[in-house]
């Protein structure tokens, strides 16, 4: 199960990083934002089920931020950098 989770984490984290970059560039649709909310939510839930609390907390933080974006809140540059960095850290969580 950990192998499957790792593959899922890598895929979803890459999308979250790309999403943060697209948001900065102003190239992100509302449908894509909804997908990113789901990606973060899935990371949070799957990590929680596996007892990977640090990863679950990072997923929860990203989910909150992407939900704010979906509701029309424009995050600050610092928040965007944090979103990208958090998603990037998820990519290396198992290394």
PDB file of N, CA and C in Angstrom:
ATOM      1  N   UNK A   1       0.826  -1.194   0.000  1.00  0.00           N
ATOM      2  CA  UNK A   1       0.000   0.000   0.000  1.00  0.00           C
ATOM      3  C   UNK A   1       0.870   1.257   0.000  1.00  0.00           C
ATOM      4  N   UNK A   2       2.006   1.206   0.676  1.00  0.00           N
ATOM      5  CA  UNK A   2       2.872   2.377   0.725  1.00  0.00           C
ATOM      6  C   UNK A   2       3.379   2.734  -0.667  1.00  0.00           C
ATOM      7  N   UNK A   3       3.665   1.723  -1.496  1.00  0.00           N
ATOM      8  CA  UNK A   3       4.127   1.982  -2.863  1.00  0.00           C
ATOM      9  C   UNK A   3       3.048   2.710  -3.651  1.00  0.00           C
ATOM     10  N   UNK A   4       1.827   2.256  -3.532  1.00  0.00           N
ATOM     11  CA  UNK A   4       0.712   2.896  -4.228  1.00  0.00           C
ATOM     12  C   UNK A   4       0.547   4.330  -3.737  1.00  0.00           C
ATOM     13  N   UNK A   5       0.622   4.520  -2.427  1.00  0.00           N
ATOM     14  CA  UNK A   5       0.490   5.869  -1.880  1.00  0.00           C
ATOM     15  C   UNK A   5       1.611   6.766  -2.387  1.00  0.00           C
ATOM     16  N   UNK A   6       2.818   6.247  -2.416  1.00  0.00           N
ATOM     17  CA  UNK A   6       3.953   7.056  -2.887  1.00  0.00           C
ATOM     18  C   UNK A   6       3.730   7.504  -4.327  1.00  0.00           C
ATOM     19  N   UNK A   7       3.286   6.587  -5.170  1.00  0.00           N
ATOM     20  CA  UNK A   7       3.023   6.938  -6.569  1.00  0.00           C
ATOM     21  C   UNK A   7       1.934   8.007  -6.652  1.00  0.00           C
ATOM     22  N   UNK A   8       0.885   7.828  -5.867  1.00  0.00           N
ATOM     23  CA  UNK A   8      -0.206   8.804  -5.836  1.00  0.00           C
ATOM     24  C   UNK A   8       0.289  10.153  -5.316  1.00  0.00           C
ATOM     25  N   UNK A   9       1.092  10.122  -4.267  1.00  0.00           N
ATOM     26  CA  UNK A   9       1.629  11.350  -3.681  1.00  0.00           C
ATOM     27  C   UNK A   9       2.489  12.103  -4.693  1.00  0.00           C
ATOM     28  N   UNK A  10       3.337  11.381  -5.399  1.00  0.00           N
ATOM     29  CA  UNK A  10       4.199  12.024  -6.394  1.00  0.00           C
ATOM     30  C   UNK A  10       3.373  12.673  -7.496  1.00  0.00           C
ATOM     31  N   UNK A  11       2.390  11.946  -8.007  1.00  0.00           N
ATOM     32  CA  UNK A  11       1.550  12.472  -9.087  1.00  0.00           C
ATOM     33  C   UNK A  11       0.774  13.707  -8.634  1.00  0.00           C
ATOM     34  N   UNK A  12       0.122  13.605  -7.495  1.00  0.00           N
ATOM     35  CA  UNK A  12      -0.696  14.720  -7.006  1.00  0.00           C
ATOM     36  C   UNK A  12       0.167  15.912  -6.594  1.00  0.00           C
ATOM     37  N   UNK A  13       1.320  15.654  -6.015  1.00  0.00           N
ATOM     38  CA  UNK A  13       2.218  16.742  -5.618  1.00  0.00           C
ATOM     39  C   UNK A  13       2.729  17.500  -6.834  1.00  0.00           C
ATOM     40  N   UNK A  14       3.056  16.771  -7.887  1.00  0.00           N
ATOM     41  CA  UNK A  14       3.495  17.440  -9.124  1.00  0.00           C
ATOM     42  C   UNK A  14       2.395  18.357  -9.655  1.00  0.00           C
ATOM     43  N   UNK A  15       1.157  17.874  -9.610  1.00  0.00           N
ATOM     44  CA  UNK A  15       0.040  18.714 -10.075  1.00  0.00           C
ATOM     45  C   UNK A  15      -0.125  19.942  -9.191  1.00  0.00           C
ATOM     46  N   UNK A  16       0.061  19.775  -7.877  1.00  0.00           N
ATOM     47  CA  UNK A  16      -0.064  20.911  -6.964  1.00  0.00           C
ATOM     48  C   UNK A  16       1.033  21.947  -7.209  1.00  0.00           C
ATOM     49  N   UNK A  17       2.253  21.493  -7.461  1.00  0.00           N
ATOM     50  CA  UNK A  17       3.346  22.416  -7.778  1.00  0.00           C
ATOM     51  C   UNK A  17       3.036  23.149  -9.081  1.00  0.00           C
ATOM     52  N   UNK A  18       2.630  22.395 -10.100  1.00  0.00           N
ATOM     53  CA  UNK A  18       2.300  23.015 -11.387  1.00  0.00           C
ATOM     54  C   UNK A  18       1.133  23.986 -11.235  1.00  0.00           C
ATOM     55  N   UNK A  19       0.170  23.638 -10.397  1.00  0.00           N
ATOM     56  CA  UNK A  19      -0.971  24.518 -10.161  1.00  0.00           C
ATOM     57  C   UNK A  19      -0.569  25.824  -9.515  1.00  0.00           C
ATOM     58  N   UNK A  20       0.326  25.765  -8.543  1.00  0.00           N
ATOM     59  CA  UNK A  20       0.799  26.995  -7.892  1.00  0.00           C
ATOM     60  C   UNK A  20       1.520  27.879  -8.897  1.00  0.00           C
ATOM     61  N   UNK A  21       2.308  27.268  -9.766  1.00  0.00           N
ATOM     62  CA  UNK A  21       3.018  28.049 -10.790  1.00  0.00           C
ATOM     63  C   UNK A  21       2.030  28.658 -11.784  1.00  0.00           C
ATOM     64  N   UNK A  22       1.024  27.888 -12.169  1.00  0.00           N
ATOM     65  CA  UNK A  22       0.013  28.403 -13.099  1.00  0.00           C
ATOM     66  C   UNK A  22      -0.793  29.527 -12.461  1.00  0.00           C
ATOM     67  N   UNK A  23      -1.063  29.407 -11.169  1.00  0.00           N
ATOM     68  CA  UNK A  23      -1.799  30.459 -10.463  1.00  0.00           C
ATOM     69  C   UNK A  23      -1.004  31.762 -10.469  1.00  0.00           C
ATOM     70  N   UNK A  24       0.289  31.665 -10.215  1.00  0.00           N
ATOM     71  CA  UNK A  24       1.153  32.850 -10.238  1.00  0.00           C
ATOM     72  C   UNK A  24       1.127  33.489 -11.630  1.00  0.00           C
ATOM     73  N   UNK A  25       1.121  32.648 -12.656  1.00  0.00           N
ATOM     74  CA  UNK A  25       1.145  33.144 -14.034  1.00  0.00           C
ATOM     75  C   UNK A  25      -0.235  33.588 -14.519  1.00  0.00           C
ATOM     76  N   UNK A  26      -1.267  33.376 -13.699  1.00  0.00           N
ATOM     77  CA  UNK A  26      -2.619  33.749 -14.101  1.00  0.00           C
ATOM     78  C   UNK A  26      -3.210  32.826 -15.145  1.00  0.00           C
ATOM     79  N   UNK A  27      -2.771  31.581 -15.151  1.00  0.00           N
ATOM     80  CA  UNK A  27      -3.174  30.620 -16.178  1.00  0.00           C
ATOM     81  C   UNK A  27      -3.932  29.428 -15.596  1.00  0.00           C
ATOM     82  N   UNK A  28      -4.743  29.662 -14.585  1.00  0.00           N
ATOM     83  CA  UNK A  28      -5.423  28.562 -13.909  1.00  0.00           C
ATOM     84  C   UNK A  28      -6.926  28.789 -13.957  1.00  0.00           C
ATOM     85  N   UNK A  29      -7.665  27.776 -14.428  1.00  0.00           N
ATOM     86  CA  UNK A  29      -9.124  27.878 -14.486  1.00  0.00           C
ATOM     87  C   UNK A  29      -9.741  27.412 -13.171  1.00  0.00           C
ATOM     88  N   UNK A  30     -11.009  27.763 -12.968  1.00  0.00           N
ATOM     89  CA  UNK A  30     -11.714  27.318 -11.756  1.00  0.00           C
ATOM     90  C   UNK A  30     -11.830  25.801 -11.700  1.00  0.00           C
ATOM     91  N   UNK A  31     -12.000  25.157 -12.862  1.00  0.00           N
ATOM     92  CA  UNK A  31     -12.058  23.691 -12.884  1.00  0.00           C
ATOM     93  C   UNK A  31     -10.737  23.089 -12.409  1.00  0.00           C
ATOM     94  N   UNK A  32      -9.638  23.689 -12.831  1.00  0.00           N
ATOM     95  CA  UNK A  32      -8.328  23.197 -12.403  1.00  0.00           C
ATOM     96  C   UNK A  32      -8.135  23.413 -10.907  1.00  0.00           C
ATOM     97  N   UNK A  33      -8.630  24.532 -10.395  1.00  0.00           N
ATOM     98  CA  UNK A  33      -8.537  24.793  -8.954  1.00  0.00           C
ATOM     99  C   UNK A  33      -9.303  23.716  -8.187  1.00  0.00           C
ATOM    100  N   UNK A  34     -10.499  23.367  -8.669  1.00  0.00           N
ATOM    101  CA  UNK A  34     -11.294  22.322  -8.011  1.00  0.00           C
ATOM    102  C   UNK A  34     -10.533  20.995  -7.990  1.00  0.00           C
ATOM    103  N   UNK A  35      -9.848  20.685  -9.081  1.00  0.00           N
ATOM    104  CA  UNK A  35      -9.041  19.459  -9.126  1.00  0.00           C
ATOM    105  C   UNK A  35      -7.909  19.506  -8.100  1.00  0.00           C
ATOM    106  N   UNK A  36      -7.321  20.679  -7.914  1.00  0.00           N
ATOM    107  CA  UNK A  36      -6.222  20.822  -6.957  1.00  0.00           C
ATOM    108  C   UNK A  36      -6.715  20.710  -5.516  1.00  0.00           C
ATOM    109  N   UNK A  37      -7.918  21.210  -5.260  1.00  0.00           N
ATOM    110  CA  UNK A  37      -8.524  21.025  -3.931  1.00  0.00           C
ATOM    111  C   UNK A  37      -8.668  19.528  -3.663  1.00  0.00           C
ATOM    112  N   UNK A  38      -9.168  18.790  -4.664  1.00  0.00           N
ATOM    113  CA  UNK A  38      -9.342  17.339  -4.505  1.00  0.00           C
ATOM    114  C   UNK A  38      -8.003  16.629  -4.326  1.00  0.00           C
ATOM    115  N   UNK A  39      -6.994  17.052  -5.086  1.00  0.00           N
ATOM    116  CA  UNK A  39      -5.670  16.433  -4.935  1.00  0.00           C
ATOM    117  C   UNK A  39      -5.156  16.594  -3.507  1.00  0.00           C
ATOM    118  N   UNK A  40      -5.240  17.805  -2.987  1.00  0.00           N
ATOM    119  CA  UNK A  40      -4.767  18.057  -1.617  1.00  0.00           C
ATOM    120  C   UNK A  40      -5.597  17.274  -0.604  1.00  0.00           C
ATOM    121  N   UNK A  41      -6.912  17.223  -0.823  1.00  0.00           N
ATOM    122  CA  UNK A  41      -7.805  16.493   0.084  1.00  0.00           C
ATOM    123  C   UNK A  41      -7.453  15.002   0.090  1.00  0.00           C
ATOM    124  N   UNK A  42      -7.181  14.459  -1.080  1.00  0.00           N
ATOM    125  CA  UNK A  42      -6.839  13.039  -1.182  1.00  0.00           C
ATOM    126  C   UNK A  42      -5.516  12.741  -0.491  1.00  0.00           C
ATOM    127  N   UNK A  43      -4.542  13.624  -0.659  1.00  0.00           N
ATOM    128  CA  UNK A  43      -3.259  13.446   0.041  1.00  0.00           C
ATOM    129  C   UNK A  43      -3.499  13.440   1.545  1.00  0.00           C
ATOM    130  N   UNK A  44      -4.277  14.410   2.013  1.00  0.00           N
ATOM    131  CA  UNK A  44      -4.575  14.507   3.454  1.00  0.00           C
ATOM    132  C   UNK A  44      -5.215  13.216   3.961  1.00  0.00           C
ATOM    133  N   UNK A  45      -6.234  12.757   3.274  1.00  0.00           N
ATOM    134  CA  UNK A  45      -6.963  11.576   3.729  1.00  0.00           C
ATOM    135  C   UNK A  45      -6.149  10.295   3.658  1.00  0.00           C
ATOM    136  N   UNK A  46      -5.474  10.091   2.540  1.00  0.00           N
ATOM    137  CA  UNK A  46      -4.680   8.868   2.377  1.00  0.00           C
ATOM    138  C   UNK A  46      -3.533   8.816   3.380  1.00  0.00           C
ATOM    139  N   UNK A  47      -2.854   9.937   3.555  1.00  0.00           N
ATOM    140  CA  UNK A  47      -1.749   9.977   4.520  1.00  0.00           C
ATOM    141  C   UNK A  47      -2.264   9.740   5.930  1.00  0.00           C
ATOM    142  N   UNK A  48      -3.410  10.311   6.241  1.00  0.00           N
ATOM    143  CA  UNK A  48      -4.000  10.110   7.564  1.00  0.00           C
ATOM    144  C   UNK A  48      -4.311   8.648   7.826  1.00  0.00           C
ATOM    145  N   UNK A  49      -4.860   7.967   6.816  1.00  0.00           N
ATOM    146  CA  UNK A  49      -5.176   6.544   6.969  1.00  0.00           C
ATOM    147  C   UNK A  49      -3.928   5.699   7.198  1.00  0.00           C
ATOM    148  N   UNK A  50      -2.808   6.137   6.623  1.00  0.00           N
ATOM    149  CA  UNK A  50      -1.557   5.398   6.771  1.00  0.00           C
ATOM    150  C   UNK A  50      -0.756   5.833   7.995  1.00  0.00           C
ATOM    151  N   UNK A  51      -1.285   6.801   8.750  1.00  0.00           N
ATOM    152  CA  UNK A  51      -0.591   7.273   9.942  1.00  0.00           C
ATOM    153  C   UNK A  51       0.584   8.189   9.646  1.00  0.00           C
ATOM    154  N   UNK A  52       0.597   8.776   8.456  1.00  0.00           N
ATOM    155  CA  UNK A  52       1.671   9.692   8.057  1.00  0.00           C
ATOM    156  C   UNK A  52       1.216  11.117   8.364  1.00  0.00           C
ATOM    157  N   UNK A  53       1.287  11.459   9.645  1.00  0.00           N
ATOM    158  CA  UNK A  53       0.687  12.703  10.134  1.00  0.00           C
ATOM    159  C   UNK A  53       1.280  13.964   9.518  1.00  0.00           C
ATOM    160  N   UNK A  54       2.576  14.010   9.328  1.00  0.00           N
ATOM    161  CA  UNK A  54       3.200  15.210   8.764  1.00  0.00           C
ATOM    162  C   UNK A  54       2.707  15.452   7.345  1.00  0.00           C
ATOM    163  N   UNK A  55       2.617  14.394   6.563  1.00  0.00           N
ATOM    164  CA  UNK A  55       2.126  14.520   5.190  1.00  0.00           C
ATOM    165  C   UNK A  55       0.645  14.883   5.203  1.00  0.00           C
ATOM    166  N   UNK A  56      -0.119  14.289   6.103  1.00  0.00           N
ATOM    167  CA  UNK A  56      -1.547  14.611   6.211  1.00  0.00           C
ATOM    168  C   UNK A  56      -1.741  16.082   6.564  1.00  0.00           C
ATOM    169  N   UNK A  57      -0.918  16.597   7.463  1.00  0.00           N
ATOM    170  CA  UNK A  57      -1.024  18.013   7.847  1.00  0.00           C
ATOM    171  C   UNK A  57      -0.669  18.931   6.682  1.00  0.00           C
ATOM    172  N   UNK A  58       0.335  18.560   5.912  1.00  0.00           N
ATOM    173  CA  UNK A  58       0.696  19.362   4.737  1.00  0.00           C
ATOM    174  C   UNK A  58      -0.434  19.335   3.716  1.00  0.00           C
ATOM    175  N   UNK A  59      -1.032  18.163   3.524  1.00  0.00           N
ATOM    176  CA  UNK A  59      -2.178  18.065   2.619  1.00  0.00           C
ATOM    177  C   UNK A  59      -3.337  18.920   3.081  1.00  0.00           C
ATOM    178  N   UNK A  60      -3.583  18.934   4.388  1.00  0.00           N
ATOM    179  CA  UNK A  60      -4.670  19.750   4.946  1.00  0.00           C
ATOM    180  C   UNK A  60      -4.405  21.234   4.726  1.00  0.00           C
ATOM    181  N   UNK A  61      -3.161  21.649   4.921  1.00  0.00           N
ATOM    182  CA  UNK A  61      -2.812  23.064   4.712  1.00  0.00           C
ATOM    183  C   UNK A  61      -3.009  23.451   3.253  1.00  0.00           C
ATOM    184  N   UNK A  62      -2.579  22.585   2.348  1.00  0.00           N
ATOM    185  CA  UNK A  62      -2.763  22.872   0.925  1.00  0.00           C
ATOM    186  C   UNK A  62      -4.238  22.873   0.547  1.00  0.00           C
ATOM    187  N   UNK A  63      -4.990  21.962   1.119  1.00  0.00           N
ATOM    188  CA  UNK A  63      -6.428  21.936   0.831  1.00  0.00           C
ATOM    189  C   UNK A  63      -7.081  23.253   1.249  1.00  0.00           C
ATOM    190  N   UNK A  64      -6.749  23.743   2.441  1.00  0.00           N
ATOM    191  CA  UNK A  64      -7.314  25.025   2.907  1.00  0.00           C
ATOM    192  C   UNK A  64      -6.966  26.161   1.952  1.00  0.00           C
ATOM    193  N   UNK A  65      -5.711  26.211   1.541  1.00  0.00           N
ATOM    194  CA  UNK A  65      -5.276  27.284   0.650  1.00  0.00           C
ATOM    195  C   UNK A  65      -5.966  27.204  -0.709  1.00  0.00           C
ATOM    196  N   UNK A  66      -6.062  25.999  -1.271  1.00  0.00           N
ATOM    197  CA  UNK A  66      -6.725  25.866  -2.570  1.00  0.00           C
ATOM    198  C   UNK A  66      -8.217  26.140  -2.458  1.00  0.00           C
ATOM    199  N   UNK A  67      -8.824  25.804  -1.329  1.00  0.00           N
ATOM    200  CA  UNK A  67     -10.240  26.153  -1.121  1.00  0.00           C
ATOM    201  C   UNK A  67     -10.431  27.668  -1.119  1.00  0.00           C
ATOM    202  N   UNK A  68      -9.512  28.380  -0.476  1.00  0.00           N
ATOM    203  CA  UNK A  68      -9.581  29.843  -0.474  1.00  0.00           C
ATOM    204  C   UNK A  68      -9.502  30.379  -1.897  1.00  0.00           C
ATOM    205  N   UNK A  69      -8.615  29.806  -2.696  1.00  0.00           N
ATOM    206  CA  UNK A  69      -8.498  30.222  -4.094  1.00  0.00           C
ATOM    207  C   UNK A  69      -9.808  29.937  -4.824  1.00  0.00           C
ATOM    208  N   UNK A  70     -10.403  28.774  -4.570  1.00  0.00           N
ATOM    209  CA  UNK A  70     -11.652  28.412  -5.252  1.00  0.00           C
ATOM    210  C   UNK A  70     -12.798  29.338  -4.876  1.00  0.00           C
ATOM    211  N   UNK A  71     -12.699  29.962  -3.694  1.00  0.00           N
ATOM    212  CA  UNK A  71     -13.735  30.889  -3.234  1.00  0.00           C
ATOM    213  C   UNK A  71     -13.442  32.326  -3.655  1.00  0.00           C
ATOM    214  N   UNK A  72     -12.411  32.517  -4.460  1.00  0.00           N
ATOM    215  CA  UNK A  72     -12.113  33.836  -4.992  1.00  0.00           C
ATOM    216  C   UNK A  72     -11.079  34.627  -4.235  1.00  0.00           C
ATOM    217  N   UNK A  73     -10.541  34.070  -3.159  1.00  0.00           N
ATOM    218  CA  UNK A  73      -9.486  34.772  -2.424  1.00  0.00           C
ATOM    219  C   UNK A  73      -8.176  34.667  -3.203  1.00  0.00           C
ATOM    220  N   UNK A  74      -7.516  35.767  -3.355  1.00  0.00           N
ATOM    221  CA  UNK A  74      -6.231  35.783  -4.040  1.00  0.00           C
ATOM    222  C   UNK A  74      -5.126  35.728  -2.994  1.00  0.00           C
ATOM    223  N   UNK A  75      -4.365  34.638  -2.991  1.00  0.00           N
ATOM    224  CA  UNK A  75      -3.304  34.526  -1.987  1.00  0.00           C
ATOM    225  C   UNK A  75      -2.163  35.497  -2.271  1.00  0.00           C
ATOM    226  N   UNK A  76      -1.471  35.870  -1.229  1.00  0.00           N
ATOM    227  CA  UNK A  76      -0.302  36.737  -1.373  1.00  0.00           C
ATOM    228  C   UNK A  76       0.817  35.964  -2.066  1.00  0.00           C
ATOM    229  N   UNK A  77       1.791  36.688  -2.534  1.00  0.00           N
ATOM    230  CA  UNK A  77       2.952  36.055  -3.160  1.00  0.00           C
ATOM    231  C   UNK A  77       3.632  35.104  -2.179  1.00  0.00           C
ATOM    232  N   UNK A  78       3.739  35.513  -0.935  1.00  0.00           N
ATOM    233  CA  UNK A  78       4.369  34.657   0.078  1.00  0.00           C
ATOM    234  C   UNK A  78       3.587  33.358   0.257  1.00  0.00           C
ATOM    235  N   UNK A  79       2.262  33.463   0.223  1.00  0.00           N
ATOM    236  CA  UNK A  79       1.434  32.264   0.358  1.00  0.00           C
ATOM    237  C   UNK A  79       1.617  31.352  -0.843  1.00  0.00           C
ATOM    238  N   UNK A  80       1.692  31.934  -2.030  1.00  0.00           N
ATOM    239  CA  UNK A  80       1.908  31.134  -3.237  1.00  0.00           C
ATOM    240  C   UNK A  80       3.248  30.413  -3.188  1.00  0.00           C
ATOM    241  N   UNK A  81       4.266  31.101  -2.742  1.00  0.00           N
ATOM    242  CA  UNK A  81       5.588  30.483  -2.608  1.00  0.00           C
ATOM    243  C   UNK A  81       5.514  29.348  -1.593  1.00  0.00           C
ATOM    244  N   UNK A  82       4.787  29.571  -0.507  1.00  0.00           N
ATOM    245  CA  UNK A  82       4.615  28.542   0.517  1.00  0.00           C
ATOM    246  C   UNK A  82       3.869  27.333  -0.037  1.00  0.00           C
ATOM    247  N   UNK A  83       2.827  27.580  -0.847  1.00  0.00           N
ATOM    248  CA  UNK A  83       2.065  26.484  -1.453  1.00  0.00           C
ATOM    249  C   UNK A  83       2.975  25.631  -2.322  1.00  0.00           C
ATOM    250  N   UNK A  84       3.755  26.290  -3.154  1.00  0.00           N
ATOM    251  CA  UNK A  84       4.648  25.566  -4.049  1.00  0.00           C
ATOM    252  C   UNK A  84       5.699  24.794  -3.257  1.00  0.00           C
ATOM    253  N   UNK A  85       6.250  25.420  -2.232  1.00  0.00           N
ATOM    254  CA  UNK A  85       7.275  24.765  -1.412  1.00  0.00           C
ATOM    255  C   UNK A  85       6.705  23.565  -0.669  1.00  0.00           C
ATOM    256  N   UNK A  86       5.500  23.711  -0.125  1.00  0.00           N
ATOM    257  CA  UNK A  86       4.873  22.600   0.600  1.00  0.00           C
ATOM    258  C   UNK A  86       4.622  21.432  -0.333  1.00  0.00           C
ATOM    259  N   UNK A  87       4.084  21.726  -1.516  1.00  0.00           N
ATOM    260  CA  UNK A  87       3.848  20.657  -2.486  1.00  0.00           C
ATOM    261  C   UNK A  87       5.169  20.020  -2.903  1.00  0.00           C
ATOM    262  N   UNK A  88       6.196  20.823  -3.059  1.00  0.00           N
ATOM    263  CA  UNK A  88       7.512  20.287  -3.404  1.00  0.00           C
ATOM    264  C   UNK A  88       8.072  19.383  -2.324  1.00  0.00           C
ATOM    265  N   UNK A  89       7.857  19.755  -1.062  1.00  0.00           N
ATOM    266  CA  UNK A  89       8.320  18.907   0.052  1.00  0.00           C
ATOM    267  C   UNK A  89       7.594  17.567   0.048  1.00  0.00           C
ATOM    268  N   UNK A  90       6.334  17.573  -0.355  1.00  0.00           N
ATOM    269  CA  UNK A  90       5.599  16.312  -0.420  1.00  0.00           C
ATOM    270  C   UNK A  90       6.246  15.372  -1.426  1.00  0.00           C
ATOM    271  N   UNK A  91       6.773  15.938  -2.510  1.00  0.00           N
ATOM    272  CA  UNK A  91       7.429  15.115  -3.524  1.00  0.00           C
ATOM    273  C   UNK A  91       8.615  14.347  -2.951  1.00  0.00           C
ATOM    274  N   UNK A  92       9.291  14.936  -1.982  1.00  0.00           N
ATOM    275  CA  UNK A  92      10.479  14.285  -1.424  1.00  0.00           C
ATOM    276  C   UNK A  92      10.204  13.618  -0.076  1.00  0.00           C
ATOM    277  N   UNK A  93       8.955  13.466   0.272  1.00  0.00           N
ATOM    278  CA  UNK A  93       8.593  12.941   1.592  1.00  0.00           C
ATOM    279  C   UNK A  93       9.123  11.536   1.850  1.00  0.00           C
ATOM    280  N   UNK A  94       9.268  10.738   0.819  1.00  0.00           N
ATOM    281  CA  UNK A  94       9.720   9.363   1.012  1.00  0.00           C
ATOM    282  C   UNK A  94      11.183   9.162   0.646  1.00  0.00           C
ATOM    283  N   UNK A  95      11.855  10.209   0.206  1.00  0.00           N
ATOM    284  CA  UNK A  95      13.259  10.060  -0.204  1.00  0.00           C
ATOM    285  C   UNK A  95      14.179   9.920   0.979  1.00  0.00           C
TER     286      UNK A  95
END
